[in-house]
């Protein structure tokens, strides 16, 4: 385990995606836990890419690809152990990155477009033009609450309510009452994440 830890954390001239692939194989071969090695290994892939500067945040969901192709994944893991077939293994992992990255980039573009549309709407609808923090709060997750806006934006509760209701009247947010709680859901954001 110490050798694996040293390998994944040491500076290297090797391509970070190949290092991630080899580090993942080695972690799975060591199999350090009774349970959860697969999940842990998949999380470590992303953390290694962040550590190596390939990703700035954990936006690449490799687990979906690996789970969808798990028979091939396990077959290739075994081939590395039995035949030292590192090439096929690395090709599989590179394909996982490519196949996962393409829809992830499209999703990021869609979310950035939603953020842009929120900025335009907020600046048009709110007399003060809102605040950058208000738009950031709307983009934190696909729904928000009055208390979240009032806390994040240092706005009074009535101001936060007014801002959210104004954006809801424009059709960008849907006001949803759940018991005593009121949520404001971003229609486009919810739809985009659901379709992803």
C-alpha atoms as a PDB file:
ATOM      1  CA  UNK A   1       0.000   0.000   0.000  1.00  0.00           C
ATOM      2  CA  UNK A   2       2.879   2.371   0.778  1.00  0.00           C
ATOM      3  CA  UNK A   3       4.325   1.835  -2.709  1.00  0.00           C
ATOM      4  CA  UNK A   4       0.924   2.577  -4.288  1.00  0.00           C
ATOM      5  CA  UNK A   5       0.566   5.721  -2.168  1.00  0.00           C
ATOM      6  CA  UNK A   6       4.039   6.859  -3.167  1.00  0.00           C
ATOM      7  CA  UNK A   7       3.309   6.201  -6.873  1.00  0.00           C
ATOM      8  CA  UNK A   8       0.053   8.172  -7.016  1.00  0.00           C
ATOM      9  CA  UNK A   9       1.393  11.101  -4.982  1.00  0.00           C
ATOM     10  CA  UNK A  10       4.882  11.523  -6.447  1.00  0.00           C
ATOM     11  CA  UNK A  11       5.530  14.044  -9.200  1.00  0.00           C
ATOM     12  CA  UNK A  12       5.914  12.326 -12.552  1.00  0.00           C
ATOM     13  CA  UNK A  13       6.557  13.024 -16.210  1.00  0.00           C
ATOM     14  CA  UNK A  14       4.034  10.299 -17.117  1.00  0.00           C
ATOM     15  CA  UNK A  15       0.656  11.271 -18.543  1.00  0.00           C
ATOM     16  CA  UNK A  16      -1.772  11.772 -15.626  1.00  0.00           C
ATOM     17  CA  UNK A  17      -4.501   9.665 -17.277  1.00  0.00           C
ATOM     18  CA  UNK A  18      -2.120   6.725 -17.687  1.00  0.00           C
ATOM     19  CA  UNK A  19      -0.927   7.177 -14.093  1.00  0.00           C
ATOM     20  CA  UNK A  20      -4.554   7.183 -12.949  1.00  0.00           C
ATOM     21  CA  UNK A  21      -5.230   3.975 -14.911  1.00  0.00           C
ATOM     22  CA  UNK A  22      -2.188   2.207 -13.490  1.00  0.00           C
ATOM     23  CA  UNK A  23      -2.844   3.497  -9.982  1.00  0.00           C
ATOM     24  CA  UNK A  24      -6.419   2.243 -10.194  1.00  0.00           C
ATOM     25  CA  UNK A  25      -5.303  -1.208 -11.313  1.00  0.00           C
ATOM     26  CA  UNK A  26      -2.772  -1.406  -8.490  1.00  0.00           C
ATOM     27  CA  UNK A  27      -5.295  -0.299  -5.867  1.00  0.00           C
ATOM     28  CA  UNK A  28      -7.806  -2.907  -7.045  1.00  0.00           C
ATOM     29  CA  UNK A  29      -5.081  -5.585  -7.131  1.00  0.00           C
ATOM     30  CA  UNK A  30      -4.050  -4.782  -3.552  1.00  0.00           C
ATOM     31  CA  UNK A  31      -7.742  -4.905  -2.535  1.00  0.00           C
ATOM     32  CA  UNK A  32      -7.056  -3.373   0.901  1.00  0.00           C
ATOM     33  CA  UNK A  33     -10.598  -3.519   2.319  1.00  0.00           C
ATOM     34  CA  UNK A  34     -13.100  -6.286   2.993  1.00  0.00           C
ATOM     35  CA  UNK A  35     -15.773  -4.234   1.230  1.00  0.00           C
ATOM     36  CA  UNK A  36     -15.969  -1.030  -0.804  1.00  0.00           C
ATOM     37  CA  UNK A  37     -12.747  -1.355  -2.824  1.00  0.00           C
ATOM     38  CA  UNK A  38     -14.544  -0.640  -6.115  1.00  0.00           C
ATOM     39  CA  UNK A  39     -16.281   2.507  -4.873  1.00  0.00           C
ATOM     40  CA  UNK A  40     -13.145   3.704  -3.126  1.00  0.00           C
ATOM     41  CA  UNK A  41     -11.017   2.997  -6.195  1.00  0.00           C
ATOM     42  CA  UNK A  42     -13.381   4.939  -8.458  1.00  0.00           C
ATOM     43  CA  UNK A  43     -13.350   7.919  -6.084  1.00  0.00           C
ATOM     44  CA  UNK A  44      -9.555   7.757  -5.917  1.00  0.00           C
ATOM     45  CA  UNK A  45      -9.426   8.029  -9.737  1.00  0.00           C
ATOM     46  CA  UNK A  46     -11.074  11.435  -9.592  1.00  0.00           C
ATOM     47  CA  UNK A  47      -9.031  12.587  -6.600  1.00  0.00           C
ATOM     48  CA  UNK A  48      -5.847  11.618  -8.415  1.00  0.00           C
ATOM     49  CA  UNK A  49      -6.894  13.606 -11.494  1.00  0.00           C
ATOM     50  CA  UNK A  50      -7.596  16.600  -9.254  1.00  0.00           C
ATOM     51  CA  UNK A  51      -4.265  16.124  -7.471  1.00  0.00           C
ATOM     52  CA  UNK A  52      -2.475  15.964 -10.844  1.00  0.00           C
ATOM     53  CA  UNK A  53      -4.197  19.150 -12.040  1.00  0.00           C
ATOM     54  CA  UNK A  54      -6.273  17.489 -14.783  1.00  0.00           C
ATOM     55  CA  UNK A  55      -9.545  18.416 -13.055  1.00  0.00           C
ATOM     56  CA  UNK A  56     -10.253  21.406 -10.843  1.00  0.00           C
ATOM     57  CA  UNK A  57     -13.319  19.776  -9.268  1.00  0.00           C
ATOM     58  CA  UNK A  58     -14.803  16.262  -9.139  1.00  0.00           C
ATOM     59  CA  UNK A  59     -17.041  16.576 -12.203  1.00  0.00           C
ATOM     60  CA  UNK A  60     -16.035  13.421 -14.090  1.00  0.00           C
ATOM     61  CA  UNK A  61     -18.330  10.521 -13.171  1.00  0.00           C
ATOM     62  CA  UNK A  62     -16.315   7.479 -14.298  1.00  0.00           C
ATOM     63  CA  UNK A  63     -18.362   5.117 -12.137  1.00  0.00           C
ATOM     64  CA  UNK A  64     -21.261   5.123 -14.604  1.00  0.00           C
ATOM     65  CA  UNK A  65     -19.014   3.894 -17.422  1.00  0.00           C
ATOM     66  CA  UNK A  66     -17.206   1.325 -15.283  1.00  0.00           C
ATOM     67  CA  UNK A  67     -20.447  -0.095 -13.880  1.00  0.00           C
ATOM     68  CA  UNK A  68     -22.043  -0.192 -17.345  1.00  0.00           C
ATOM     69  CA  UNK A  69     -19.029  -2.128 -18.657  1.00  0.00           C
ATOM     70  CA  UNK A  70     -18.211  -4.101 -15.506  1.00  0.00           C
ATOM     71  CA  UNK A  71     -17.700  -7.465 -17.244  1.00  0.00           C
ATOM     72  CA  UNK A  72     -15.068  -5.936 -19.528  1.00  0.00           C
ATOM     73  CA  UNK A  73     -13.620  -4.008 -16.576  1.00  0.00           C
ATOM     74  CA  UNK A  74     -13.116  -7.176 -14.504  1.00  0.00           C
ATOM     75  CA  UNK A  75     -11.875  -9.158 -17.508  1.00  0.00           C
ATOM     76  CA  UNK A  76      -9.211  -6.556 -18.247  1.00  0.00           C
ATOM     77  CA  UNK A  77      -8.209  -6.247 -14.575  1.00  0.00           C
ATOM     78  CA  UNK A  78      -7.615 -10.020 -14.543  1.00  0.00           C
ATOM     79  CA  UNK A  79      -5.670  -9.850 -17.838  1.00  0.00           C
ATOM     80  CA  UNK A  80      -3.241  -7.367 -16.314  1.00  0.00           C
ATOM     81  CA  UNK A  81      -2.634  -9.756 -13.431  1.00  0.00           C
ATOM     82  CA  UNK A  82      -2.440 -12.910 -15.545  1.00  0.00           C
ATOM     83  CA  UNK A  83      -0.862 -11.649 -18.818  1.00  0.00           C
ATOM     84  CA  UNK A  84       0.561  -8.233 -17.891  1.00  0.00           C
ATOM     85  CA  UNK A  85      -1.751  -6.741 -20.532  1.00  0.00           C
ATOM     86  CA  UNK A  86      -1.436  -3.154 -19.377  1.00  0.00           C
ATOM     87  CA  UNK A  87      -2.154  -1.770 -22.851  1.00  0.00           C
ATOM     88  CA  UNK A  88      -5.727  -3.078 -23.049  1.00  0.00           C
ATOM     89  CA  UNK A  89      -6.351  -1.934 -19.478  1.00  0.00           C
ATOM     90  CA  UNK A  90      -5.092   1.597 -20.090  1.00  0.00           C
ATOM     91  CA  UNK A  91      -7.082   1.786 -23.363  1.00  0.00           C
ATOM     92  CA  UNK A  92     -10.234   0.789 -21.448  1.00  0.00           C
ATOM     93  CA  UNK A  93      -9.664   3.475 -18.828  1.00  0.00           C
ATOM     94  CA  UNK A  94      -8.852   6.136 -21.439  1.00  0.00           C
ATOM     95  CA  UNK A  95     -12.049   5.235 -23.268  1.00  0.00           C
ATOM     96  CA  UNK A  96     -13.919   5.559 -19.957  1.00  0.00           C
ATOM     97  CA  UNK A  97     -12.529   9.074 -19.528  1.00  0.00           C
ATOM     98  CA  UNK A  98     -13.346  10.074 -23.117  1.00  0.00           C
ATOM     99  CA  UNK A  99     -16.841   8.596 -23.060  1.00  0.00           C
ATOM    100  CA  UNK A 100     -17.583  10.228 -19.716  1.00  0.00           C
ATOM    101  CA  UNK A 101     -15.965  13.592 -20.478  1.00  0.00           C
ATOM    102  CA  UNK A 102     -17.975  14.335 -23.622  1.00  0.00           C
ATOM    103  CA  UNK A 103     -21.448  14.398 -22.014  1.00  0.00           C
ATOM    104  CA  UNK A 104     -19.965  16.037 -18.905  1.00  0.00           C
ATOM    105  CA  UNK A 105     -18.651  18.921 -21.011  1.00  0.00           C
ATOM    106  CA  UNK A 106     -22.047  19.280 -22.697  1.00  0.00           C
ATOM    107  CA  UNK A 107     -23.716  19.342 -19.269  1.00  0.00           C
ATOM    108  CA  UNK A 108     -21.301  22.007 -18.017  1.00  0.00           C
ATOM    109  CA  UNK A 109     -22.026  24.114 -21.126  1.00  0.00           C
ATOM    110  CA  UNK A 110     -25.775  23.765 -20.507  1.00  0.00           C
ATOM    111  CA  UNK A 111     -25.427  24.765 -16.852  1.00  0.00           C
ATOM    112  CA  UNK A 112     -23.283  27.766 -17.799  1.00  0.00           C
ATOM    113  CA  UNK A 113     -25.972  28.787 -20.306  1.00  0.00           C
ATOM    114  CA  UNK A 114     -28.604  28.550 -17.565  1.00  0.00           C
ATOM    115  CA  UNK A 115     -26.430  30.712 -15.330  1.00  0.00           C
ATOM    116  CA  UNK A 116     -26.097  33.289 -18.119  1.00  0.00           C
ATOM    117  CA  UNK A 117     -29.885  33.325 -18.628  1.00  0.00           C
ATOM    118  CA  UNK A 118     -30.395  33.766 -14.873  1.00  0.00           C
ATOM    119  CA  UNK A 119     -27.988  36.730 -14.918  1.00  0.00           C
ATOM    120  CA  UNK A 120     -29.866  38.373 -17.787  1.00  0.00           C
ATOM    121  CA  UNK A 121     -33.250  37.790 -16.144  1.00  0.00           C
ATOM    122  CA  UNK A 122     -32.112  38.955 -12.706  1.00  0.00           C
ATOM    123  CA  UNK A 123     -30.567  42.144 -14.110  1.00  0.00           C
ATOM    124  CA  UNK A 124     -33.750  42.848 -16.110  1.00  0.00           C
ATOM    125  CA  UNK A 125     -36.334  41.981 -13.430  1.00  0.00           C
ATOM    126  CA  UNK A 126     -34.818  43.228 -10.192  1.00  0.00           C
ATOM    127  CA  UNK A 127     -34.541  47.002  -9.796  1.00  0.00           C
ATOM    128  CA  UNK A 128     -31.090  46.729  -8.247  1.00  0.00           C
ATOM    129  CA  UNK A 129     -30.028  44.101 -10.775  1.00  0.00           C
ATOM    130  CA  UNK A 130     -29.690  41.640  -7.900  1.00  0.00           C
ATOM    131  CA  UNK A 131     -26.262  40.655  -6.742  1.00  0.00           C
ATOM    132  CA  UNK A 132     -23.601  38.284  -7.984  1.00  0.00           C
ATOM    133  CA  UNK A 133     -24.112  36.327  -4.767  1.00  0.00           C
ATOM    134  CA  UNK A 134     -27.828  35.959  -5.538  1.00  0.00           C
ATOM    135  CA  UNK A 135     -27.077  34.399  -8.934  1.00  0.00           C
ATOM    136  CA  UNK A 136     -24.415  32.168  -7.371  1.00  0.00           C
ATOM    137  CA  UNK A 137     -26.977  31.068  -4.779  1.00  0.00           C
ATOM    138  CA  UNK A 138     -29.471  30.212  -7.522  1.00  0.00           C
ATOM    139  CA  UNK A 139     -26.787  28.064  -9.178  1.00  0.00           C
ATOM    140  CA  UNK A 140     -25.629  26.201  -6.042  1.00  0.00           C
ATOM    141  CA  UNK A 141     -28.310  23.570  -6.590  1.00  0.00           C
ATOM    142  CA  UNK A 142     -31.457  23.287  -8.703  1.00  0.00           C
ATOM    143  CA  UNK A 143     -33.643  24.716  -5.930  1.00  0.00           C
ATOM    144  CA  UNK A 144     -33.286  27.254  -3.153  1.00  0.00           C
ATOM    145  CA  UNK A 145     -35.132  28.612  -0.127  1.00  0.00           C
ATOM    146  CA  UNK A 146     -35.778  32.133   1.120  1.00  0.00           C
ATOM    147  CA  UNK A 147     -33.543  31.441   4.144  1.00  0.00           C
ATOM    148  CA  UNK A 148     -30.680  30.374   1.847  1.00  0.00           C
ATOM    149  CA  UNK A 149     -30.916  33.598  -0.157  1.00  0.00           C
ATOM    150  CA  UNK A 150     -31.244  35.752   2.938  1.00  0.00           C
ATOM    151  CA  UNK A 151     -28.218  34.059   4.568  1.00  0.00           C
ATOM    152  CA  UNK A 152     -25.958  33.929   1.471  1.00  0.00           C
ATOM    153  CA  UNK A 153     -26.823  37.374   0.130  1.00  0.00           C
ATOM    154  CA  UNK A 154     -27.061  39.269   3.438  1.00  0.00           C
ATOM    155  CA  UNK A 155     -30.548  40.317   2.352  1.00  0.00           C
ATOM    156  CA  UNK A 156     -33.554  40.668   4.618  1.00  0.00           C
ATOM    157  CA  UNK A 157     -36.122  37.897   4.488  1.00  0.00           C
ATOM    158  CA  UNK A 158     -38.688  40.159   2.729  1.00  0.00           C
ATOM    159  CA  UNK A 159     -36.070  41.151   0.124  1.00  0.00           C
ATOM    160  CA  UNK A 160     -35.081  37.526  -0.468  1.00  0.00           C
ATOM    161  CA  UNK A 161     -38.750  36.559  -0.877  1.00  0.00           C
ATOM    162  CA  UNK A 162     -39.326  39.475  -3.278  1.00  0.00           C
ATOM    163  CA  UNK A 163     -36.306  38.513  -5.412  1.00  0.00           C
ATOM    164  CA  UNK A 164     -37.357  34.874  -5.637  1.00  0.00           C
ATOM    165  CA  UNK A 165     -41.006  35.685  -6.364  1.00  0.00           C
ATOM    166  CA  UNK A 166     -39.966  38.147  -9.084  1.00  0.00           C
ATOM    167  CA  UNK A 167     -37.807  35.535 -10.819  1.00  0.00           C
ATOM    168  CA  UNK A 168     -40.587  32.956 -10.393  1.00  0.00           C
ATOM    169  CA  UNK A 169     -43.052  35.306 -12.135  1.00  0.00           C
ATOM    170  CA  UNK A 170     -40.690  35.313 -15.122  1.00  0.00           C
ATOM    171  CA  UNK A 171     -40.945  31.520 -15.312  1.00  0.00           C
ATOM    172  CA  UNK A 172     -37.342  30.751 -14.346  1.00  0.00           C
ATOM    173  CA  UNK A 173     -38.297  29.431 -10.930  1.00  0.00           C
ATOM    174  CA  UNK A 174     -41.286  27.453  -9.750  1.00  0.00           C
ATOM    175  CA  UNK A 175     -42.554  28.129  -6.245  1.00  0.00           C
ATOM    176  CA  UNK A 176     -43.261  24.829  -4.479  1.00  0.00           C
ATOM    177  CA  UNK A 177     -44.858  24.642  -1.041  1.00  0.00           C
ATOM    178  CA  UNK A 178     -43.964  21.580   1.034  1.00  0.00           C
ATOM    179  CA  UNK A 179     -45.741  21.866   4.350  1.00  0.00           C
ATOM    180  CA  UNK A 180     -44.455  25.072   5.929  1.00  0.00           C
ATOM    181  CA  UNK A 181     -41.412  25.118   3.689  1.00  0.00           C
ATOM    182  CA  UNK A 182     -41.261  26.947   0.358  1.00  0.00           C
ATOM    183  CA  UNK A 183     -38.790  25.910  -2.321  1.00  0.00           C
ATOM    184  CA  UNK A 184     -37.994  27.761  -5.513  1.00  0.00           C
ATOM    185  CA  UNK A 185     -36.961  25.257  -8.166  1.00  0.00           C
ATOM    186  CA  UNK A 186     -35.074  26.288 -11.284  1.00  0.00           C
ATOM    187  CA  UNK A 187     -37.077  24.753 -14.134  1.00  0.00           C
ATOM    188  CA  UNK A 188     -34.221  24.662 -16.658  1.00  0.00           C
ATOM    189  CA  UNK A 189     -31.647  23.499 -14.130  1.00  0.00           C
ATOM    190  CA  UNK A 190     -33.891  20.654 -12.912  1.00  0.00           C
ATOM    191  CA  UNK A 191     -34.731  19.594 -16.470  1.00  0.00           C
ATOM    192  CA  UNK A 192     -31.066  19.687 -17.545  1.00  0.00           C
ATOM    193  CA  UNK A 193     -29.919  17.562 -14.586  1.00  0.00           C
ATOM    194  CA  UNK A 194     -32.819  15.137 -15.019  1.00  0.00           C
ATOM    195  CA  UNK A 195     -32.037  14.640 -18.710  1.00  0.00           C
ATOM    196  CA  UNK A 196     -28.341  14.168 -17.944  1.00  0.00           C
END
